[in-house]
Amino acid sequence: AFLMRSSVFNIVIAAGTAIAGIWLICAAMTGYFTRVLPWRTRLGFVAGGVLLLMPFEAAAINGWLNLVGLILGATLITFELRTRGTYVRA
């Protein structure tokens, strides 16, 4: 899909999951989203990012892993946006 030799839907899904996965991993590596992230949340961001980077066309289970990564990432982002006023000592 990244070589643009697939359907438009597959190209958009592959690009979207790759961008979201890289963004989650970058947030975990820098340790900051809306506040300093505790180490458990950083591990969750890494897990969600890695799950989103799985190529969904490679195996049947990878589509489900992408979905789990999307749910995990969305949950962590929602949690962080709700708790952005609190500070955590790194």
Protein backbone atom coordinates (compact mmCIF):
# COMPACT_ATOMS: atom_id res chain seq x y z
CA ALA A 1 0.00 0.00 0.00
CA PHE A 2 2.92 2.38 0.68
CA LEU A 3 4.10 1.86 -2.90
CA MET A 4 0.70 3.13 -4.10
CA ARG A 5 -0.09 -0.22 -5.71
CA SER A 6 -3.30 -0.95 -3.90
CA SER A 7 -6.79 0.48 -3.60
CA VAL A 8 -7.27 4.01 -2.36
CA PHE A 9 -8.88 2.66 0.82
CA ASN A 10 -5.87 0.47 1.64
CA ILE A 11 -3.44 3.32 0.93
CA VAL A 12 -5.34 5.71 3.22
CA ILE A 13 -5.61 3.11 6.01
CA ALA A 14 -1.91 2.19 5.76
CA ALA A 15 -0.80 5.83 5.79
CA GLY A 16 -3.16 6.77 8.63
CA THR A 17 -2.15 3.92 10.90
CA ALA A 18 1.54 4.55 10.19
CA ILE A 19 1.25 8.25 11.02
CA ALA A 20 -0.73 7.55 14.20
CA GLY A 21 1.67 4.80 15.28
CA ILE A 22 4.74 6.96 14.77
CA TRP A 23 3.09 9.85 16.59
CA LEU A 24 2.27 7.65 19.61
CA ILE A 25 5.81 6.29 19.75
CA CYS A 26 7.27 9.80 19.47
CA ALA A 27 5.09 10.99 22.36
CA ALA A 28 6.33 8.05 24.43
CA MET A 29 9.99 8.61 23.52
CA THR A 30 9.88 12.31 24.40
CA GLY A 31 7.90 11.54 27.55
CA TYR A 32 5.52 14.43 27.11
CA PHE A 33 2.02 14.79 25.68
CA THR A 34 0.02 17.44 27.55
CA ARG A 35 2.12 16.87 30.65
CA VAL A 36 5.10 14.77 31.67
CA LEU A 37 4.04 11.16 31.14
CA PRO A 38 4.49 8.55 33.85
CA TRP A 39 6.41 5.46 32.75
CA ARG A 40 3.32 3.23 32.64
CA THR A 41 1.54 5.61 30.30
CA ARG A 42 4.67 5.83 28.15
CA LEU A 43 4.66 2.03 27.84
CA GLY A 44 1.02 2.18 26.79
CA PHE A 45 1.82 4.77 24.13
CA VAL A 46 4.64 2.56 22.79
CA ALA A 47 2.38 -0.51 22.76
CA GLY A 48 -0.37 1.35 20.92
CA GLY A 49 2.12 2.75 18.42
CA VAL A 50 3.72 -0.61 17.69
CA LEU A 51 0.33 -2.24 17.25
CA LEU A 52 -0.65 0.48 14.77
CA LEU A 53 2.55 -0.03 12.78
CA MET A 54 1.73 -3.68 12.02
CA PRO A 55 0.97 -3.95 8.28
CA PHE A 56 -2.67 -4.98 8.15
CA GLU A 57 -2.34 -6.70 4.77
CA ALA A 58 0.48 -9.03 5.90
CA ALA A 59 -1.64 -11.38 8.01
CA ALA A 60 -5.26 -11.74 9.00
CA ILE A 61 -4.59 -10.97 12.67
CA ASN A 62 -2.78 -7.70 11.95
CA GLY A 63 -6.04 -5.92 11.17
CA TRP A 64 -7.27 -6.83 14.64
CA LEU A 65 -3.95 -5.74 16.16
CA ASN A 66 -4.33 -2.38 14.40
CA LEU A 67 -7.79 -2.06 15.91
CA VAL A 68 -6.48 -2.84 19.41
CA GLY A 69 -3.71 -0.27 18.91
CA LEU A 70 -6.22 2.31 17.77
CA ILE A 71 -8.45 1.71 20.79
CA LEU A 72 -5.48 1.77 23.18
CA GLY A 73 -4.10 4.97 21.64
CA ALA A 74 -7.47 6.72 21.66
CA THR A 75 -8.05 5.70 25.28
CA LEU A 76 -4.65 6.99 26.38
CA ILE A 77 -5.06 10.26 24.49
CA THR A 78 -8.50 10.79 26.02
CA PHE A 79 -7.14 10.03 29.49
CA GLU A 80 -4.25 12.44 29.03
CA LEU A 81 -6.48 15.23 27.74
CA ARG A 82 -8.73 14.85 30.79
CA THR A 83 -5.82 14.91 33.26
CA ARG A 84 -3.72 17.61 31.60
CA GLY A 85 -3.94 19.90 34.63
CA THR A 86 -2.13 17.48 36.94
CA TYR A 87 1.62 17.08 37.02
CA VAL A 88 3.61 13.90 37.48
CA ARG A 89 7.18 13.83 38.70
CA ALA A 90 9.24 12.06 36.05
